[in-house]
């Protein structure tokens, strides 16, 4: 079956991986220009999904990883077709099935940033990375930190779906719903 997966986030990539492993011909389409960017969700890892295959590339620790690098690493290991900077509504090709993995914009607005370990403020979500940095997310204004932030980002999500684990499991769920 020829399947179009809309969205190249962890949800889309894990959905596409499951469908590919099930023997389908999969294409991912996304309006973004680059898989993994901009970062709009935390790299929080809760441990319910095994990420050891990607560990060296994503700076994996017990609590976190570099989410954009995980997305890129998953894409590099998934030999399917990718159509970036493409609006799904303009695609003329025929597919047996289209699966939209893009999340709706519901949830709270979060501000995030990356700083050096030991400089992180007290915030709702903290994900340590193996490279000596810490990713911090808060629902309010991101406080200033000593030396400033190395990266800044914003996203809209619920805490329930903030982790990489939740995104990957959601993608697998979307793929398995197609079998029913």
N, C-alpha and C. Protein backbone atom coordinates (compact mmCIF):
# COMPACT_ATOMS: atom_id res chain seq x y z
N UNK A 1 0.85 -1.17 0.00
CA UNK A 1 0.00 0.00 0.00
C UNK A 1 0.90 1.24 0.00
N UNK A 2 0.52 2.25 -0.80
CA UNK A 2 1.23 3.53 -0.83
C UNK A 2 0.59 4.46 0.19
N UNK A 3 1.40 4.88 1.19
CA UNK A 3 0.87 5.69 2.29
C UNK A 3 1.63 7.00 2.38
N UNK A 4 0.89 8.09 2.51
CA UNK A 4 1.47 9.41 2.73
C UNK A 4 1.32 9.76 4.19
N UNK A 5 2.43 10.04 4.86
CA UNK A 5 2.42 10.47 6.26
C UNK A 5 2.67 11.97 6.26
N UNK A 6 1.73 12.72 6.82
CA UNK A 6 1.84 14.17 6.86
C UNK A 6 2.46 14.57 8.19
N UNK A 7 3.67 15.14 8.12
CA UNK A 7 4.39 15.58 9.31
C UNK A 7 5.65 14.76 9.53
N UNK A 8 6.78 15.46 9.74
CA UNK A 8 8.06 14.78 9.94
C UNK A 8 8.57 14.92 11.37
N UNK A 9 7.65 15.10 12.32
CA UNK A 9 8.02 15.13 13.73
C UNK A 9 8.28 13.69 14.20
N UNK A 10 8.56 13.52 15.49
CA UNK A 10 8.73 12.16 16.01
C UNK A 10 7.47 11.33 15.82
N UNK A 11 6.31 11.96 15.90
CA UNK A 11 5.05 11.23 15.67
C UNK A 11 5.03 10.70 14.24
N UNK A 12 5.29 11.58 13.27
CA UNK A 12 5.29 11.18 11.87
C UNK A 12 6.35 10.16 11.53
N UNK A 13 7.55 10.37 12.06
CA UNK A 13 8.66 9.45 11.77
C UNK A 13 8.42 8.07 12.38
N UNK A 14 7.91 8.01 13.60
CA UNK A 14 7.67 6.69 14.20
C UNK A 14 6.48 5.99 13.54
N UNK A 15 5.49 6.76 13.10
CA UNK A 15 4.38 6.20 12.34
C UNK A 15 4.90 5.62 11.02
N UNK A 16 5.70 6.41 10.31
CA UNK A 16 6.26 5.97 9.03
C UNK A 16 7.15 4.73 9.21
N UNK A 17 7.95 4.72 10.27
CA UNK A 17 8.83 3.57 10.52
C UNK A 17 8.01 2.30 10.72
N UNK A 18 6.95 2.38 11.51
CA UNK A 18 6.10 1.22 11.75
C UNK A 18 5.44 0.74 10.45
N UNK A 19 4.94 1.67 9.66
CA UNK A 19 4.30 1.31 8.39
C UNK A 19 5.31 0.70 7.42
N UNK A 20 6.52 1.25 7.37
CA UNK A 20 7.59 0.72 6.52
C UNK A 20 7.94 -0.70 6.94
N UNK A 21 8.07 -0.90 8.25
CA UNK A 21 8.39 -2.24 8.76
C UNK A 21 7.27 -3.24 8.49
N UNK A 22 6.04 -2.72 8.33
CA UNK A 22 4.90 -3.57 8.00
C UNK A 22 4.80 -3.83 6.50
N UNK A 23 5.75 -3.31 5.72
CA UNK A 23 5.82 -3.61 4.29
C UNK A 23 5.17 -2.60 3.36
N UNK A 24 4.81 -1.44 3.86
CA UNK A 24 4.17 -0.42 3.03
C UNK A 24 5.19 0.50 2.37
N UNK A 25 4.80 1.11 1.27
CA UNK A 25 5.60 2.13 0.59
C UNK A 25 5.19 3.46 1.20
N UNK A 26 6.12 4.12 1.91
CA UNK A 26 5.77 5.30 2.71
C UNK A 26 6.51 6.53 2.20
N UNK A 27 5.77 7.64 2.16
CA UNK A 27 6.32 8.95 1.85
C UNK A 27 5.94 9.89 2.99
N UNK A 28 6.89 10.67 3.47
CA UNK A 28 6.61 11.70 4.47
C UNK A 28 6.63 13.05 3.77
N UNK A 29 5.64 13.88 4.09
CA UNK A 29 5.57 15.23 3.55
C UNK A 29 5.49 16.22 4.71
N UNK A 30 6.16 17.35 4.57
CA UNK A 30 6.14 18.37 5.62
C UNK A 30 6.38 19.73 4.99
N UNK A 31 5.71 20.75 5.51
CA UNK A 31 5.91 22.11 5.01
C UNK A 31 7.21 22.72 5.54
N UNK A 32 7.77 22.13 6.60
CA UNK A 32 9.03 22.65 7.13
C UNK A 32 10.18 22.35 6.17
N UNK A 33 11.22 23.15 6.26
CA UNK A 33 12.37 22.99 5.37
C UNK A 33 13.38 21.98 5.89
N UNK A 34 13.30 21.64 7.18
CA UNK A 34 14.31 20.76 7.77
C UNK A 34 13.68 19.88 8.84
N UNK A 35 13.95 18.61 8.77
CA UNK A 35 13.48 17.68 9.81
C UNK A 35 14.17 18.05 11.12
N UNK A 36 13.38 18.21 12.17
CA UNK A 36 13.92 18.53 13.48
C UNK A 36 13.92 20.01 13.84
N UNK A 37 13.65 20.87 12.89
CA UNK A 37 13.68 22.30 13.18
C UNK A 37 12.48 22.98 12.57
N UNK A 38 11.93 23.97 13.23
CA UNK A 38 12.36 24.47 14.52
C UNK A 38 11.91 23.53 15.64
N UNK A 39 12.66 23.53 16.74
CA UNK A 39 12.29 22.70 17.89
C UNK A 39 11.13 23.34 18.60
N UNK A 40 10.05 22.57 18.77
CA UNK A 40 8.84 23.09 19.40
C UNK A 40 8.38 22.23 20.58
N UNK A 41 9.11 21.15 20.86
CA UNK A 41 8.77 20.24 21.96
C UNK A 41 10.05 19.84 22.69
N UNK A 42 9.93 19.50 23.96
CA UNK A 42 11.11 19.13 24.75
C UNK A 42 11.76 17.81 24.32
N UNK A 43 13.01 17.69 24.66
CA UNK A 43 13.74 16.44 24.47
C UNK A 43 13.68 15.58 25.72
N UNK A 44 12.62 15.70 26.47
CA UNK A 44 12.43 14.94 27.71
C UNK A 44 12.25 13.47 27.40
N UNK A 45 13.05 12.61 28.05
CA UNK A 45 12.97 11.16 27.85
C UNK A 45 12.58 10.52 29.17
N UNK A 46 11.47 9.81 29.16
CA UNK A 46 10.96 9.17 30.39
C UNK A 46 11.40 7.73 30.53
N UNK A 47 11.98 7.16 29.49
CA UNK A 47 12.51 5.80 29.57
C UNK A 47 11.55 4.71 29.13
N UNK A 48 10.36 5.06 28.65
CA UNK A 48 9.42 4.02 28.23
C UNK A 48 9.66 3.56 26.80
N UNK A 49 10.51 4.27 26.07
CA UNK A 49 10.88 3.88 24.71
C UNK A 49 12.40 3.73 24.66
N UNK A 50 12.86 2.64 24.07
CA UNK A 50 14.30 2.38 23.97
C UNK A 50 14.91 3.25 22.86
N UNK A 51 15.79 4.15 23.24
CA UNK A 51 16.45 5.03 22.28
C UNK A 51 17.94 4.70 22.13
N UNK A 52 18.36 3.55 22.62
CA UNK A 52 19.78 3.21 22.62
C UNK A 52 20.38 3.18 21.22
N UNK A 53 19.59 2.86 20.21
CA UNK A 53 20.08 2.84 18.83
C UNK A 53 20.60 4.21 18.42
N UNK A 54 20.01 5.25 18.96
CA UNK A 54 20.35 6.61 18.58
C UNK A 54 21.24 7.32 19.60
N UNK A 55 21.52 6.69 20.72
CA UNK A 55 22.18 7.32 21.86
C UNK A 55 23.43 8.15 21.50
N UNK A 56 24.37 7.63 20.71
CA UNK A 56 25.57 8.42 20.44
C UNK A 56 25.28 9.73 19.70
N UNK A 57 24.28 9.72 18.83
CA UNK A 57 23.99 10.90 18.02
C UNK A 57 23.16 11.96 18.75
N UNK A 58 22.38 11.57 19.75
CA UNK A 58 21.39 12.49 20.32
C UNK A 58 21.71 12.98 21.73
N UNK A 59 22.91 12.63 22.23
CA UNK A 59 23.33 13.04 23.58
C UNK A 59 22.32 12.56 24.63
N UNK A 60 21.97 11.28 24.56
CA UNK A 60 20.97 10.68 25.44
C UNK A 60 21.48 10.53 26.87
N UNK A 61 20.63 10.92 27.82
CA UNK A 61 20.88 10.67 29.24
C UNK A 61 19.63 10.00 29.79
N UNK A 62 19.58 9.80 31.10
CA UNK A 62 18.40 9.19 31.71
C UNK A 62 17.17 10.08 31.60
N UNK A 63 17.36 11.39 31.46
CA UNK A 63 16.21 12.30 31.45
C UNK A 63 16.00 13.05 30.14
N UNK A 64 16.93 12.96 29.21
CA UNK A 64 16.73 13.76 28.02
C UNK A 64 17.66 13.44 26.87
N UNK A 65 17.39 14.14 25.77
CA UNK A 65 18.19 14.01 24.55
C UNK A 65 17.96 15.26 23.71
N UNK A 66 18.68 15.35 22.63
CA UNK A 66 18.46 16.44 21.67
C UNK A 66 17.36 15.98 20.71
N UNK A 67 16.15 16.46 20.93
CA UNK A 67 14.99 16.04 20.13
C UNK A 67 15.20 16.25 18.63
N UNK A 68 15.70 17.42 18.17
CA UNK A 68 15.91 17.57 16.73
C UNK A 68 16.89 16.55 16.17
N UNK A 69 17.89 16.20 16.95
CA UNK A 69 18.88 15.22 16.48
C UNK A 69 18.26 13.82 16.45
N UNK A 70 17.37 13.53 17.38
CA UNK A 70 16.66 12.26 17.36
C UNK A 70 15.81 12.17 16.09
N UNK A 71 15.11 13.25 15.75
CA UNK A 71 14.30 13.25 14.54
C UNK A 71 15.18 13.03 13.31
N UNK A 72 16.31 13.72 13.24
CA UNK A 72 17.22 13.54 12.11
C UNK A 72 17.79 12.11 12.07
N UNK A 73 18.16 11.56 13.23
CA UNK A 73 18.70 10.21 13.29
C UNK A 73 17.67 9.17 12.85
N UNK A 74 16.43 9.36 13.27
CA UNK A 74 15.37 8.43 12.85
C UNK A 74 15.20 8.51 11.33
N UNK A 75 15.20 9.72 10.78
CA UNK A 75 15.03 9.89 9.33
C UNK A 75 16.20 9.25 8.57
N UNK A 76 17.41 9.40 9.09
CA UNK A 76 18.58 8.84 8.41
C UNK A 76 18.53 7.31 8.35
N UNK A 77 17.86 6.70 9.31
CA UNK A 77 17.78 5.24 9.35
C UNK A 77 16.51 4.70 8.70
N UNK A 78 15.70 5.58 8.13
CA UNK A 78 14.43 5.16 7.54
C UNK A 78 14.47 5.44 6.03
N UNK A 79 14.68 4.38 5.21
CA UNK A 79 14.86 4.56 3.76
C UNK A 79 13.54 4.73 3.01
N UNK A 80 12.90 5.87 3.23
CA UNK A 80 11.65 6.18 2.54
C UNK A 80 11.83 7.50 1.80
N UNK A 81 10.77 7.98 1.14
CA UNK A 81 10.83 9.26 0.44
C UNK A 81 10.39 10.39 1.37
N UNK A 82 11.13 11.51 1.32
CA UNK A 82 10.82 12.69 2.11
C UNK A 82 10.55 13.86 1.17
N UNK A 83 9.44 14.53 1.38
CA UNK A 83 9.10 15.73 0.60
C UNK A 83 8.97 16.88 1.58
N UNK A 84 10.02 17.70 1.68
CA UNK A 84 10.02 18.85 2.59
C UNK A 84 9.68 20.11 1.80
N UNK A 85 9.29 21.14 2.55
CA UNK A 85 8.87 22.41 1.95
C UNK A 85 7.75 22.18 0.93
N UNK A 86 6.85 21.28 1.28
CA UNK A 86 5.77 20.93 0.37
C UNK A 86 4.45 20.94 1.14
N UNK A 87 3.48 21.63 0.61
CA UNK A 87 2.14 21.68 1.20
C UNK A 87 1.39 20.42 0.76
N UNK A 88 0.91 19.62 1.69
CA UNK A 88 0.20 18.38 1.32
C UNK A 88 -0.98 18.61 0.38
N UNK A 89 -1.63 19.77 0.47
CA UNK A 89 -2.80 20.03 -0.37
C UNK A 89 -2.43 20.25 -1.84
N UNK A 90 -1.15 20.52 -2.10
CA UNK A 90 -0.71 20.75 -3.48
C UNK A 90 -0.16 19.49 -4.14
N UNK A 91 -0.05 18.41 -3.39
CA UNK A 91 0.54 17.17 -3.93
C UNK A 91 -0.44 16.49 -4.87
N UNK A 92 -0.02 16.24 -6.08
CA UNK A 92 -0.89 15.67 -7.11
C UNK A 92 -0.86 14.13 -7.13
N UNK A 93 0.14 13.52 -6.54
CA UNK A 93 0.28 12.06 -6.59
C UNK A 93 -0.82 11.37 -5.80
N UNK A 94 -1.13 10.17 -6.24
CA UNK A 94 -2.17 9.38 -5.58
C UNK A 94 -1.56 8.47 -4.52
N UNK A 95 -2.24 8.37 -3.39
CA UNK A 95 -1.85 7.48 -2.31
C UNK A 95 -3.08 6.68 -1.89
N UNK A 96 -2.84 5.47 -1.44
CA UNK A 96 -3.94 4.63 -0.95
C UNK A 96 -4.48 5.16 0.38
N UNK A 97 -3.59 5.81 1.13
CA UNK A 97 -3.96 6.29 2.45
C UNK A 97 -3.12 7.51 2.80
N UNK A 98 -3.73 8.48 3.45
CA UNK A 98 -3.04 9.66 3.98
C UNK A 98 -3.25 9.67 5.49
N UNK A 99 -2.15 9.81 6.24
CA UNK A 99 -2.24 9.87 7.70
C UNK A 99 -1.64 11.19 8.15
N UNK A 100 -2.48 12.01 8.77
CA UNK A 100 -2.02 13.30 9.26
C UNK A 100 -1.53 13.13 10.70
N UNK A 101 -0.22 13.28 10.91
CA UNK A 101 0.37 13.11 12.24
C UNK A 101 0.66 14.45 12.91
N UNK A 102 0.32 15.53 12.25
CA UNK A 102 0.58 16.84 12.82
C UNK A 102 -0.39 17.09 13.97
N UNK A 103 0.15 17.61 15.04
CA UNK A 103 -0.68 17.86 16.22
C UNK A 103 -1.46 19.15 16.05
N UNK A 104 -2.59 19.20 16.70
CA UNK A 104 -3.33 20.45 16.68
C UNK A 104 -2.62 21.42 17.64
N UNK A 105 -2.99 22.64 17.56
CA UNK A 105 -2.32 23.67 18.36
C UNK A 105 -2.98 23.85 19.72
N UNK A 106 -3.44 22.76 20.33
CA UNK A 106 -4.05 22.88 21.66
C UNK A 106 -2.98 22.64 22.72
N UNK A 107 -3.24 23.15 23.88
CA UNK A 107 -2.28 23.03 24.97
C UNK A 107 -1.85 24.40 25.44
N UNK A 108 -0.83 24.40 26.25
CA UNK A 108 -0.30 25.63 26.81
C UNK A 108 0.89 26.11 26.00
N UNK A 109 1.12 27.42 26.01
CA UNK A 109 2.31 27.97 25.39
C UNK A 109 3.48 27.77 26.35
N UNK A 110 4.57 27.22 25.85
CA UNK A 110 5.77 26.98 26.65
C UNK A 110 6.95 27.73 26.04
N UNK A 111 7.84 28.20 26.89
CA UNK A 111 9.10 28.80 26.47
C UNK A 111 10.22 27.88 26.92
N UNK A 112 11.18 27.66 26.04
CA UNK A 112 12.27 26.76 26.36
C UNK A 112 13.62 27.36 26.06
N UNK A 113 14.63 26.77 26.66
CA UNK A 113 15.99 27.21 26.41
C UNK A 113 16.99 26.16 26.83
N UNK A 114 18.20 26.31 26.33
CA UNK A 114 19.30 25.42 26.68
C UNK A 114 20.38 26.24 27.35
N UNK A 115 20.88 25.72 28.47
CA UNK A 115 21.97 26.37 29.19
C UNK A 115 22.96 25.29 29.64
N UNK A 116 24.03 25.71 30.26
CA UNK A 116 25.01 24.76 30.77
C UNK A 116 24.51 24.13 32.07
N UNK A 117 24.88 22.86 32.31
CA UNK A 117 24.51 22.20 33.56
C UNK A 117 25.05 23.01 34.72
N UNK A 118 24.22 23.12 35.75
CA UNK A 118 24.56 23.91 36.92
C UNK A 118 24.03 25.33 36.87
N UNK A 119 23.56 25.75 35.70
CA UNK A 119 23.00 27.09 35.55
C UNK A 119 21.48 27.07 35.38
N UNK A 120 20.88 25.87 35.36
CA UNK A 120 19.46 25.78 35.05
C UNK A 120 18.61 26.34 36.18
N UNK A 121 17.55 27.08 35.81
CA UNK A 121 16.63 27.61 36.81
C UNK A 121 15.62 26.53 37.23
N UNK A 122 14.81 26.82 38.21
CA UNK A 122 13.74 25.92 38.59
C UNK A 122 12.56 26.16 37.66
N UNK A 123 12.27 25.18 36.82
CA UNK A 123 11.16 25.26 35.85
C UNK A 123 10.43 23.92 35.82
N UNK A 124 9.34 23.85 35.08
CA UNK A 124 8.50 22.66 35.06
C UNK A 124 9.18 21.44 34.41
N UNK A 125 9.90 21.64 33.32
CA UNK A 125 10.53 20.53 32.60
C UNK A 125 12.02 20.79 32.47
N UNK A 126 12.81 19.82 32.92
CA UNK A 126 14.27 19.89 32.77
C UNK A 126 14.75 18.56 32.20
N UNK A 127 15.48 18.63 31.09
CA UNK A 127 16.02 17.44 30.45
C UNK A 127 17.52 17.62 30.30
N UNK A 128 18.28 16.81 31.00
CA UNK A 128 19.74 16.89 30.90
C UNK A 128 20.21 16.18 29.64
N UNK A 129 21.26 16.72 29.05
CA UNK A 129 21.86 16.14 27.85
C UNK A 129 23.27 15.69 28.18
N UNK A 130 23.76 14.73 27.42
CA UNK A 130 25.09 14.17 27.68
C UNK A 130 26.22 15.12 27.30
N UNK A 131 25.93 16.23 26.64
CA UNK A 131 26.98 17.15 26.22
C UNK A 131 27.24 18.26 27.24
N UNK A 132 26.65 18.12 28.46
CA UNK A 132 26.88 19.12 29.50
C UNK A 132 25.89 20.27 29.46
N UNK A 133 24.85 20.15 28.64
CA UNK A 133 23.83 21.18 28.60
C UNK A 133 22.53 20.65 29.19
N UNK A 134 21.62 21.58 29.49
CA UNK A 134 20.33 21.24 30.07
C UNK A 134 19.25 21.99 29.30
N UNK A 135 18.22 21.28 28.91
CA UNK A 135 17.08 21.88 28.23
C UNK A 135 16.02 22.18 29.28
N UNK A 136 15.53 23.40 29.32
CA UNK A 136 14.56 23.84 30.32
C UNK A 136 13.33 24.40 29.63
N UNK A 137 12.14 24.04 30.16
CA UNK A 137 10.88 24.54 29.60
C UNK A 137 9.99 25.04 30.73
N UNK A 138 9.29 26.15 30.49
CA UNK A 138 8.36 26.69 31.47
C UNK A 138 7.12 27.24 30.77
N UNK A 139 6.00 27.23 31.49
CA UNK A 139 4.76 27.80 30.94
C UNK A 139 4.79 29.32 30.98
N UNK A 140 5.62 29.86 31.81
CA UNK A 140 5.71 31.32 31.93
C UNK A 140 6.85 31.86 31.10
N UNK A 141 7.33 33.00 31.53
CA UNK A 141 8.48 33.61 30.88
C UNK A 141 9.74 32.89 31.32
N UNK A 142 10.57 32.55 30.39
CA UNK A 142 11.81 31.86 30.71
C UNK A 142 12.73 32.82 31.47
N UNK A 143 13.12 32.46 32.70
CA UNK A 143 13.97 33.37 33.48
C UNK A 143 15.38 33.47 32.90
N UNK A 144 16.03 34.55 33.19
CA UNK A 144 17.42 34.72 32.76
C UNK A 144 18.31 33.75 33.54
N UNK A 145 19.40 33.33 32.92
CA UNK A 145 20.35 32.44 33.58
C UNK A 145 21.75 33.04 33.45
N UNK A 146 22.61 32.64 34.36
CA UNK A 146 24.00 33.10 34.32
C UNK A 146 24.61 32.78 32.96
N UNK A 147 25.19 33.76 32.35
CA UNK A 147 25.83 33.56 31.05
C UNK A 147 24.88 33.58 29.87
N UNK A 148 23.58 33.62 30.12
CA UNK A 148 22.58 33.66 29.04
C UNK A 148 22.24 32.27 28.51
N UNK A 149 21.25 32.23 27.67
CA UNK A 149 20.78 30.98 27.05
C UNK A 149 21.58 30.68 25.79
N UNK A 150 21.88 29.42 25.55
CA UNK A 150 22.60 28.99 24.35
C UNK A 150 21.63 28.80 23.18
N UNK A 151 20.41 28.43 23.48
CA UNK A 151 19.34 28.25 22.50
C UNK A 151 18.04 28.71 23.15
N UNK A 152 17.09 29.18 22.34
CA UNK A 152 15.76 29.55 22.83
C UNK A 152 14.73 28.98 21.86
N UNK A 153 13.58 28.53 22.38
CA UNK A 153 12.51 28.04 21.53
C UNK A 153 11.16 28.18 22.23
N UNK A 154 10.10 28.02 21.47
CA UNK A 154 8.74 28.11 21.97
C UNK A 154 7.93 26.96 21.39
N UNK A 155 6.89 26.54 22.11
CA UNK A 155 6.02 25.50 21.61
C UNK A 155 4.67 25.54 22.30
N UNK A 156 3.71 24.85 21.71
CA UNK A 156 2.38 24.72 22.29
C UNK A 156 2.12 23.23 22.45
N UNK A 157 1.94 22.80 23.71
CA UNK A 157 1.73 21.38 23.98
C UNK A 157 1.19 21.21 25.39
N UNK A 158 0.74 19.99 25.68
CA UNK A 158 0.32 19.64 27.04
C UNK A 158 1.45 18.84 27.67
N UNK A 159 1.55 18.88 28.97
CA UNK A 159 2.61 18.12 29.65
C UNK A 159 2.52 16.64 29.34
N UNK A 160 1.31 16.14 29.14
CA UNK A 160 1.09 14.72 28.84
C UNK A 160 1.84 14.29 27.58
N UNK A 161 1.97 15.19 26.61
CA UNK A 161 2.61 14.85 25.34
C UNK A 161 3.96 15.55 25.16
N UNK A 162 4.59 15.97 26.27
CA UNK A 162 5.85 16.70 26.19
C UNK A 162 7.07 15.81 25.92
N UNK A 163 7.00 14.55 26.24
CA UNK A 163 8.19 13.69 26.13
C UNK A 163 8.35 13.10 24.73
N UNK A 164 9.60 12.73 24.41
CA UNK A 164 9.85 12.03 23.16
C UNK A 164 9.15 10.68 23.18
N UNK A 165 9.06 10.07 24.35
CA UNK A 165 8.38 8.77 24.48
C UNK A 165 6.93 8.88 24.02
N UNK A 166 6.21 9.91 24.50
CA UNK A 166 4.80 10.09 24.15
C UNK A 166 4.64 10.30 22.64
N UNK A 167 5.55 11.05 22.03
CA UNK A 167 5.46 11.30 20.59
C UNK A 167 5.68 10.01 19.80
N UNK A 168 6.68 9.24 20.18
CA UNK A 168 6.97 7.99 19.46
C UNK A 168 5.82 7.00 19.63
N UNK A 169 5.31 6.86 20.82
CA UNK A 169 4.20 5.94 21.06
C UNK A 169 2.94 6.38 20.32
N UNK A 170 2.72 7.69 20.20
CA UNK A 170 1.57 8.19 19.44
C UNK A 170 1.70 7.82 17.96
N UNK A 171 2.90 7.94 17.41
CA UNK A 171 3.13 7.57 16.01
C UNK A 171 2.88 6.09 15.76
N UNK A 172 3.36 5.26 16.68
CA UNK A 172 3.13 3.81 16.56
C UNK A 172 1.64 3.50 16.64
N UNK A 173 0.95 4.21 17.53
CA UNK A 173 -0.50 4.02 17.66
C UNK A 173 -1.22 4.39 16.36
N UNK A 174 -0.86 5.52 15.76
CA UNK A 174 -1.49 5.93 14.50
C UNK A 174 -1.27 4.89 13.40
N UNK A 175 -0.07 4.33 13.34
CA UNK A 175 0.22 3.30 12.34
C UNK A 175 -0.60 2.04 12.61
N UNK A 176 -0.69 1.64 13.85
CA UNK A 176 -1.42 0.40 14.18
C UNK A 176 -2.92 0.56 13.99
N UNK A 177 -3.45 1.77 14.06
CA UNK A 177 -4.88 2.01 13.82
C UNK A 177 -5.24 1.72 12.37
N UNK A 178 -4.26 1.77 11.48
CA UNK A 178 -4.52 1.51 10.06
C UNK A 178 -4.74 0.02 9.79
N UNK A 179 -4.32 -0.83 10.71
CA UNK A 179 -4.50 -2.28 10.55
C UNK A 179 -5.90 -2.72 10.93
N UNK A 180 -6.56 -1.91 11.76
CA UNK A 180 -7.88 -2.29 12.27
C UNK A 180 -8.96 -2.19 11.21
